[in-house]
């Protein structure tokens, strides 16, 4: 993981540019008429939130009380109580959204796309769940049904995030693909859930993207370049990224008590992954054709 100092410097440099413009926009639109001073700067709040996903704690309260307060008091001299800090969390939502875009990698012409379920409660508690009653939806994975959302990701061969989006759990994996890929180029590889001739044609005509989805078992075989076939076998890289997001960055748990805190936790987990110095990557042992 990157050091706390490096993480804070990156976030603070972003906030120095973003916060003045954001405040002007809020004032111009009438969204903010009064600005109260706080003992913690926005960059400090964001750093503490993101750093949680670099630690071994599973509970944010335990992390704040047992790690931040005892060990980081000198780094953050304006630390407040846990309940007061929780009140600051919603104010970081918009800056975290913009900062995540700032952390995305560069498209190299080889990308991989996939989605994963983000459960918001255990299946036994679905009938009693209220926090995401109007937002989450029942969806189905290859293993079981769930209540929650789908996180759609695009990564390059270096394991860097290129784009993400969140949809209700019952959304077809193919629906958000055009918006996810509109700023990319080259070839994108997907699994069987993305098979659609109409989608392949649309992406090629609108964006010039070659979309390669692994054919389903009962489909007829079709000719494919050897390089594409070898790259399609490397699609496990995005599954490794998802595994790290869930088990290291902890983007999924069932303890959320508000949609805002859920979104902040998800954004901070993605940002923490972007700051991870060693990411899953591919080492090609074959020559790829050069794009024109």
Protein backbone atom coordinates (compact mmCIF):
# COMPACT_ATOMS: atom_id res chain seq x y z
CA UNK A 1 0.00 0.00 0.00
CA UNK A 2 1.07 3.60 -0.51
CA UNK A 3 2.12 5.50 2.62
CA UNK A 4 -0.28 7.79 4.46
CA UNK A 5 1.83 10.80 3.48
CA UNK A 6 1.76 9.92 -0.23
CA UNK A 7 -1.99 9.32 -0.11
CA UNK A 8 -2.64 12.63 1.64
CA UNK A 9 -0.40 14.59 -0.76
CA UNK A 10 -2.22 13.17 -3.77
CA UNK A 11 -5.67 13.94 -2.33
CA UNK A 12 -4.63 17.37 -1.03
CA UNK A 13 -3.20 18.41 -4.41
CA UNK A 14 -6.53 17.43 -5.98
CA UNK A 15 -8.56 19.31 -3.34
CA UNK A 16 -6.47 22.46 -3.81
CA UNK A 17 -7.68 22.60 -7.42
CA UNK A 18 -11.15 21.14 -7.04
CA UNK A 19 -12.55 22.70 -3.87
CA UNK A 20 -12.48 26.39 -4.94
CA UNK A 21 -14.27 25.58 -8.21
CA UNK A 22 -16.78 23.38 -6.40
CA UNK A 23 -17.58 26.11 -3.87
CA UNK A 24 -18.14 28.63 -6.66
CA UNK A 25 -20.52 26.25 -8.41
CA UNK A 26 -22.51 25.64 -5.22
CA UNK A 27 -22.81 29.36 -4.55
CA UNK A 28 -23.83 30.13 -8.14
CA UNK A 29 -26.56 27.46 -8.05
CA UNK A 30 -27.79 28.45 -4.61
CA UNK A 31 -26.79 25.11 -3.13
CA UNK A 32 -24.67 26.65 -0.38
CA UNK A 33 -25.27 29.98 1.36
CA UNK A 34 -23.02 29.50 4.38
CA UNK A 35 -19.65 27.83 4.83
CA UNK A 36 -18.76 26.75 8.34
CA UNK A 37 -15.17 26.15 9.34
CA UNK A 38 -14.28 22.63 10.46
CA UNK A 39 -11.35 21.30 12.43
CA UNK A 40 -10.64 18.80 9.64
CA UNK A 41 -10.00 19.85 6.05
CA UNK A 42 -11.77 18.07 3.19
CA UNK A 43 -8.50 16.44 2.13
CA UNK A 44 -7.99 15.08 5.66
CA UNK A 45 -11.51 13.61 5.76
CA UNK A 46 -11.01 11.96 2.37
CA UNK A 47 -7.59 10.59 3.38
CA UNK A 48 -8.97 8.98 6.55
CA UNK A 49 -11.85 7.45 4.60
CA UNK A 50 -9.64 6.02 1.86
CA UNK A 51 -6.92 4.82 4.24
CA UNK A 52 -9.48 2.61 6.00
CA UNK A 53 -9.42 0.33 2.96
CA UNK A 54 -5.63 -0.07 3.30
CA UNK A 55 -5.93 -1.37 6.86
CA UNK A 56 -6.94 -4.76 8.24
CA UNK A 57 -10.03 -3.48 10.06
CA UNK A 58 -13.44 -4.75 8.98
CA UNK A 59 -15.36 -2.08 10.90
CA UNK A 60 -14.87 1.65 10.35
CA UNK A 61 -15.70 2.55 13.97
CA UNK A 62 -13.04 0.20 15.31
CA UNK A 63 -10.56 1.58 12.75
CA UNK A 64 -11.27 5.19 13.74
CA UNK A 65 -11.18 4.61 17.51
CA UNK A 66 -8.37 2.04 17.68
CA UNK A 67 -6.09 3.20 14.87
CA UNK A 68 -6.73 6.78 13.76
CA UNK A 69 -7.07 8.33 17.22
CA UNK A 70 -4.15 6.52 18.93
CA UNK A 71 -1.62 6.50 16.06
CA UNK A 72 -2.50 9.34 13.69
CA UNK A 73 -3.21 12.13 16.18
CA UNK A 74 -0.03 13.96 15.16
CA UNK A 75 -0.83 13.60 11.44
CA UNK A 76 -4.37 14.95 11.95
CA UNK A 77 -4.23 17.41 14.89
CA UNK A 78 -7.84 18.46 14.38
CA UNK A 79 -9.33 14.99 14.94
CA UNK A 80 -12.90 14.97 16.21
CA UNK A 81 -15.02 12.35 17.93
CA UNK A 82 -16.29 9.38 15.94
CA UNK A 83 -19.90 10.62 15.92
CA UNK A 84 -18.78 14.04 14.68
CA UNK A 85 -16.63 12.49 11.95
CA UNK A 86 -19.59 10.43 10.73
CA UNK A 87 -21.44 13.74 10.22
CA UNK A 88 -18.60 14.89 7.93
CA UNK A 89 -18.77 11.80 5.67
CA UNK A 90 -21.62 12.95 3.32
CA UNK A 91 -19.71 16.15 2.49
CA UNK A 92 -16.98 14.02 0.85
CA UNK A 93 -19.32 12.22 -1.57
CA UNK A 94 -19.02 14.57 -4.57
CA UNK A 95 -15.25 15.18 -4.21
CA UNK A 96 -14.67 11.42 -3.99
CA UNK A 97 -16.64 10.87 -7.22
CA UNK A 98 -14.48 13.39 -9.06
CA UNK A 99 -11.26 12.17 -7.48
CA UNK A 100 -11.98 8.59 -8.56
CA UNK A 101 -12.11 9.80 -12.17
CA UNK A 102 -8.76 11.47 -11.51
CA UNK A 103 -7.32 8.08 -10.43
CA UNK A 104 -8.34 6.14 -13.56
CA UNK A 105 -5.60 4.71 -15.76
CA UNK A 106 -4.99 5.23 -19.47
CA UNK A 107 -6.55 3.07 -22.16
CA UNK A 108 -3.88 1.06 -24.00
CA UNK A 109 -6.11 -0.52 -26.63
CA UNK A 110 -6.60 -3.76 -24.66
CA UNK A 111 -9.38 -3.72 -22.07
CA UNK A 112 -11.44 -6.20 -20.07
CA UNK A 113 -14.99 -5.72 -18.82
CA UNK A 114 -17.03 -7.58 -16.20
CA UNK A 115 -19.57 -7.03 -13.43
CA UNK A 116 -19.92 -8.26 -9.87
CA UNK A 117 -22.75 -8.39 -7.37
CA UNK A 118 -22.67 -5.98 -4.43
CA UNK A 119 -24.99 -7.48 -1.82
CA UNK A 120 -26.56 -5.16 0.75
CA UNK A 121 -27.97 -7.81 3.08
CA UNK A 122 -28.12 -11.56 3.67
CA UNK A 123 -30.77 -13.40 1.68
CA UNK A 124 -32.59 -14.35 4.87
CA UNK A 125 -33.13 -10.67 5.69
CA UNK A 126 -34.34 -9.52 2.27
CA UNK A 127 -37.99 -9.30 3.32
CA UNK A 128 -37.05 -7.10 6.32
CA UNK A 129 -34.49 -4.90 4.56
CA UNK A 130 -35.39 -1.18 4.42
CA UNK A 131 -32.22 0.88 3.87
CA UNK A 132 -32.07 0.26 0.09
CA UNK A 133 -35.73 -0.65 -0.40
CA UNK A 134 -36.23 1.79 -3.32
CA UNK A 135 -32.72 1.55 -4.77
CA UNK A 136 -31.49 -2.05 -4.71
CA UNK A 137 -33.06 -4.88 -6.70
CA UNK A 138 -33.08 -8.67 -6.75
CA UNK A 139 -30.50 -10.09 -9.12
CA UNK A 140 -29.04 -13.47 -9.96
CA UNK A 141 -25.45 -14.60 -10.23
CA UNK A 142 -24.09 -17.96 -11.34
CA UNK A 143 -24.26 -19.02 -7.68
CA UNK A 144 -27.44 -17.59 -6.14
CA UNK A 145 -29.97 -14.78 -6.00
CA UNK A 146 -29.10 -11.59 -4.11
CA UNK A 147 -30.45 -8.17 -3.16
CA UNK A 148 -28.23 -5.26 -4.05
CA UNK A 149 -26.41 -3.71 -6.96
CA UNK A 150 -24.09 -4.61 -9.80
CA UNK A 151 -20.70 -2.97 -10.08
CA UNK A 152 -19.53 -2.84 -13.72
CA UNK A 153 -15.80 -2.35 -14.29
CA UNK A 154 -13.41 -1.90 -17.18
CA UNK A 155 -9.66 -2.43 -16.67
CA UNK A 156 -6.62 -2.43 -18.93
CA UNK A 157 -3.97 -5.18 -19.10
CA UNK A 158 -2.02 -3.42 -16.33
CA UNK A 159 -4.90 -3.85 -13.88
CA UNK A 160 -5.77 -0.14 -13.84
CA UNK A 161 -9.40 0.95 -13.65
CA UNK A 162 -10.63 2.70 -16.78
CA UNK A 163 -14.29 3.20 -15.90
CA UNK A 164 -16.92 1.99 -13.43
CA UNK A 165 -20.67 2.30 -12.96
CA UNK A 166 -23.24 1.03 -10.49
CA UNK A 167 -26.67 -0.33 -11.44
CA UNK A 168 -29.50 -2.14 -9.63
CA UNK A 169 -28.97 -5.88 -9.26
CA UNK A 170 -31.51 -6.82 -11.95
CA UNK A 171 -29.80 -4.84 -14.74
CA UNK A 172 -28.63 -6.73 -17.81
CA UNK A 173 -24.82 -6.71 -17.98
CA UNK A 174 -24.95 -5.47 -21.58
CA UNK A 175 -27.05 -2.37 -20.90
CA UNK A 176 -24.34 -0.03 -19.45
CA UNK A 177 -21.62 -1.20 -21.85
CA UNK A 178 -21.90 1.64 -24.44
CA UNK A 179 -21.58 4.34 -21.75
CA UNK A 180 -18.68 2.52 -20.09
CA UNK A 181 -16.71 2.20 -23.32
CA UNK A 182 -17.51 5.46 -25.09
CA UNK A 183 -14.12 7.05 -24.25
CA UNK A 184 -12.03 3.93 -24.96
CA UNK A 185 -10.54 2.44 -28.11
CA UNK A 186 -9.08 -0.81 -29.38
CA UNK A 187 -10.32 -4.22 -28.22
CA UNK A 188 -12.49 -5.09 -25.24
CA UNK A 189 -12.82 -8.66 -23.97
CA UNK A 190 -15.81 -9.98 -22.03
CA UNK A 191 -17.37 -13.24 -20.85
CA UNK A 192 -20.41 -15.16 -22.10
CA UNK A 193 -22.88 -12.84 -20.36
CA UNK A 194 -22.08 -10.08 -22.88
CA UNK A 195 -22.75 -12.05 -26.06
CA UNK A 196 -24.81 -9.86 -28.41
CA UNK A 197 -24.29 -9.31 -32.12
CA UNK A 198 -26.23 -6.04 -31.94
CA UNK A 199 -23.92 -4.76 -29.18
CA UNK A 200 -20.81 -5.76 -31.14
CA UNK A 201 -22.06 -3.93 -34.22
CA UNK A 202 -23.09 -0.82 -32.27
CA UNK A 203 -19.74 -0.50 -30.49
CA UNK A 204 -17.82 -0.90 -33.75
CA UNK A 205 -19.98 1.58 -35.67
CA UNK A 206 -20.19 4.23 -32.93
CA UNK A 207 -16.75 4.03 -31.30
CA UNK A 208 -14.63 1.78 -33.55
CA UNK A 209 -14.23 -0.72 -30.70
CA UNK A 210 -13.75 -4.44 -31.37
CA UNK A 211 -15.86 -6.16 -28.71
CA UNK A 212 -14.90 -9.80 -28.17
CA UNK A 213 -17.23 -11.87 -25.98
CA UNK A 214 -16.56 -15.50 -25.23
CA UNK A 215 -19.17 -17.58 -27.13
CA UNK A 216 -21.70 -19.64 -25.22
CA UNK A 217 -21.36 -23.41 -25.15
CA UNK A 218 -24.17 -24.13 -27.61
CA UNK A 219 -23.14 -21.45 -30.09
CA UNK A 220 -21.37 -22.33 -33.32
CA UNK A 221 -17.64 -21.73 -33.40
CA UNK A 222 -16.50 -18.74 -35.43
CA UNK A 223 -13.12 -17.70 -36.74
CA UNK A 224 -11.01 -15.61 -34.37
CA UNK A 225 -7.50 -14.20 -34.61
CA UNK A 226 -4.95 -16.14 -32.60
CA UNK A 227 -3.98 -13.01 -30.64
CA UNK A 228 -7.64 -12.38 -29.75
CA UNK A 229 -8.05 -15.97 -28.64
CA UNK A 230 -4.99 -15.75 -26.40
CA UNK A 231 -6.10 -12.43 -24.93
CA UNK A 232 -9.60 -13.79 -24.26
CA UNK A 233 -7.97 -16.46 -22.09
CA UNK A 234 -6.35 -13.69 -20.03
CA UNK A 235 -9.74 -12.30 -18.98
CA UNK A 236 -9.16 -13.66 -15.47
CA UNK A 237 -7.27 -10.44 -14.72
CA UNK A 238 -10.51 -8.55 -14.10
CA UNK A 239 -11.77 -11.35 -11.86
CA UNK A 240 -8.58 -10.94 -9.82
CA UNK A 241 -9.23 -7.19 -9.60
CA UNK A 242 -12.78 -7.83 -8.37
CA UNK A 243 -11.50 -10.33 -5.81
CA UNK A 244 -9.05 -7.74 -4.44
CA UNK A 245 -11.74 -5.06 -4.33
CA UNK A 246 -14.01 -7.31 -2.26
CA UNK A 247 -11.47 -8.99 0.01
CA UNK A 248 -8.79 -6.30 0.42
CA UNK A 249 -10.56 -3.00 -0.26
CA UNK A 250 -13.78 -4.28 1.36
CA UNK A 251 -16.25 -2.66 -1.01
CA UNK A 252 -18.99 -5.11 0.03
CA UNK A 253 -20.58 -5.56 3.45
CA UNK A 254 -24.08 -5.59 4.93
CA UNK A 255 -23.65 -3.03 7.74
CA UNK A 256 -24.64 0.11 5.82
CA UNK A 257 -27.30 2.31 7.38
CA UNK A 258 -27.64 4.90 4.61
CA UNK A 259 -27.21 4.99 0.81
CA UNK A 260 -24.75 7.89 1.09
CA UNK A 261 -22.39 5.99 3.38
CA UNK A 262 -22.69 2.96 1.11
CA UNK A 263 -21.63 5.04 -1.89
CA UNK A 264 -18.76 6.67 0.02
CA UNK A 265 -17.49 3.26 1.13
CA UNK A 266 -17.63 1.95 -2.44
CA UNK A 267 -15.83 5.00 -3.87
CA UNK A 268 -13.12 4.87 -1.21
CA UNK A 269 -12.55 1.16 -1.86
CA UNK A 270 -12.09 1.83 -5.57
CA UNK A 271 -9.74 4.75 -4.85
CA UNK A 272 -7.74 2.63 -2.41
CA UNK A 273 -7.29 0.03 -5.13
CA UNK A 274 -6.12 2.71 -7.58
CA UNK A 275 -3.42 3.73 -5.06
CA UNK A 276 -2.28 0.14 -4.67
CA UNK A 277 1.33 0.06 -5.98
CA UNK A 278 1.17 -3.55 -7.20
CA UNK A 279 -1.86 -4.45 -9.29
CA UNK A 280 -2.69 -7.61 -11.25
CA UNK A 281 -1.15 -7.28 -14.71
CA UNK A 282 -0.48 -9.35 -17.81
CA UNK A 283 2.91 -10.29 -19.17
CA UNK A 284 2.51 -11.18 -22.80
CA UNK A 285 4.63 -14.04 -24.10
CA UNK A 286 3.39 -13.56 -27.67
CA UNK A 287 3.58 -10.72 -30.18
CA UNK A 288 0.44 -8.61 -30.59
CA UNK A 289 -0.38 -7.04 -33.95
CA UNK A 290 0.19 -3.29 -34.06
CA UNK A 291 -2.94 -1.14 -34.39
CA UNK A 292 -3.13 1.16 -37.34
